[in-house]
Amino acid sequence: MPRKIYTPEQIIRKLRVLTSLISEKIGPAYSPFLKIRYETVNNKKVCVVDTDRSSELAYFEGAHGKEFHVRMDNTTRILDAEDTVSYIHMNWE
């Protein structure tokens, strides 16, 4: 399959969509903690989202309401209520 090449305008549109999704699903207050950039890896453009740690909890607006997600190495996990409380005690209190 041939590689798709995006124009700068298409990349800007995709960046706007990503920014809007983050704002809708997590909240606009958390945008200062994000740095979105594009890099070339193996001759392919990839979108990289770097995040800084917030002093406040951030919840994701999922299919079943607000969800608490954490990064574990290179994966993202949804924590249940008990694990969320434990995580908060260990990291914020």
Protein backbone atom coordinates (compact mmCIF):
# COMPACT_ATOMS: atom_id res chain seq x y z
CA MET A 1 0.00 0.00 0.00
CA PRO A 2 1.45 3.39 -0.93
CA ARG A 3 2.29 5.75 1.89
CA LYS A 4 -0.07 8.71 2.28
CA ILE A 5 1.61 12.09 2.24
CA TYR A 6 -0.19 14.85 4.14
CA THR A 7 0.05 18.51 3.19
CA PRO A 8 0.87 21.05 5.91
CA GLU A 9 -2.78 22.16 5.85
CA GLN A 10 -3.96 18.58 6.44
CA ILE A 11 -1.55 18.21 9.35
CA ILE A 12 -2.86 21.45 10.88
CA ARG A 13 -6.45 20.19 10.51
CA LYS A 14 -5.55 16.88 12.16
CA LEU A 15 -3.85 18.77 14.99
CA ARG A 16 -7.01 20.86 15.50
CA VAL A 17 -9.15 17.70 15.63
CA LEU A 18 -6.79 16.12 18.19
CA THR A 19 -6.77 19.30 20.30
CA SER A 20 -10.57 19.47 20.20
CA LEU A 21 -10.92 15.83 21.23
CA ILE A 22 -8.56 16.30 24.17
CA SER A 23 -10.49 19.39 25.24
CA GLU A 24 -13.86 17.60 25.00
CA LYS A 25 -12.81 14.30 26.57
CA ILE A 26 -10.44 15.49 29.31
CA GLY A 27 -11.06 19.23 29.63
CA PRO A 28 -9.59 22.47 28.30
CA ALA A 29 -7.93 23.21 31.66
CA TYR A 30 -5.38 20.47 30.93
CA SER A 31 -4.17 21.82 27.59
CA PRO A 32 -1.16 23.61 29.17
CA PHE A 33 0.15 20.18 30.24
CA LEU A 34 0.26 18.88 26.64
CA LYS A 35 2.85 19.37 23.94
CA ILE A 36 1.86 17.98 20.55
CA ARG A 37 4.47 17.67 17.84
CA TYR A 38 5.24 15.72 14.70
CA GLU A 39 8.42 13.75 14.14
CA THR A 40 9.73 11.66 11.31
CA VAL A 41 10.44 8.04 12.25
CA ASN A 42 11.59 5.57 9.59
CA ASN A 43 10.57 8.10 6.91
CA LYS A 44 7.02 8.34 8.37
CA LYS A 45 5.43 11.29 10.13
CA VAL A 46 4.15 10.42 13.60
CA CYS A 47 2.25 12.54 16.08
CA VAL A 48 3.85 12.66 19.53
CA VAL A 49 1.94 13.91 22.57
CA ASP A 50 4.12 14.75 25.55
CA THR A 51 2.37 15.36 28.86
CA ASP A 52 3.45 17.00 32.08
CA ARG A 53 2.10 15.84 35.41
CA SER A 54 -0.85 17.82 36.70
CA SER A 55 -1.34 18.60 40.37
CA GLU A 56 -5.04 17.80 39.85
CA LEU A 57 -6.71 14.59 38.73
CA ALA A 58 -7.88 14.47 35.12
CA TYR A 59 -10.73 12.20 34.11
CA PHE A 60 -11.55 10.94 30.63
CA GLU A 61 -15.14 11.28 29.41
CA GLY A 62 -15.71 7.73 28.19
CA ALA A 63 -18.67 5.73 26.97
CA HIS A 64 -19.83 5.07 30.55
CA GLY A 65 -19.13 8.50 32.03
CA LYS A 66 -15.95 9.75 33.68
CA GLU A 67 -13.12 7.22 33.75
CA PHE A 68 -9.72 7.34 35.43
CA HIS A 69 -6.88 6.18 33.19
CA VAL A 70 -3.21 5.73 34.05
CA ARG A 71 -0.15 5.04 31.95
CA MET A 72 1.77 1.86 32.77
CA ASP A 73 4.91 1.69 30.67
CA ASN A 74 3.68 1.77 27.06
CA THR A 75 0.02 0.97 27.87
CA THR A 76 -2.99 2.86 29.19
CA ARG A 77 -5.23 1.24 31.82
CA ILE A 78 -8.66 2.15 33.16
CA LEU A 79 -8.69 1.80 36.93
CA ASP A 80 -11.75 0.59 38.81
CA ALA A 81 -12.96 2.53 41.88
CA GLU A 82 -10.80 0.65 44.39
CA ASP A 83 -7.62 0.93 42.32
CA THR A 84 -8.36 4.61 41.61
CA VAL A 85 -8.58 5.39 45.34
CA SER A 86 -5.31 3.52 45.98
CA TYR A 87 -3.60 5.31 43.10
CA ILE A 88 -4.75 8.71 44.40
CA HIS A 89 -3.51 7.94 47.94
CA MET A 90 -0.12 6.86 46.64
CA ASN A 91 0.36 9.75 44.22
CA TRP A 92 -1.49 12.82 45.50
CA GLU A 93 -1.76 12.65 49.27
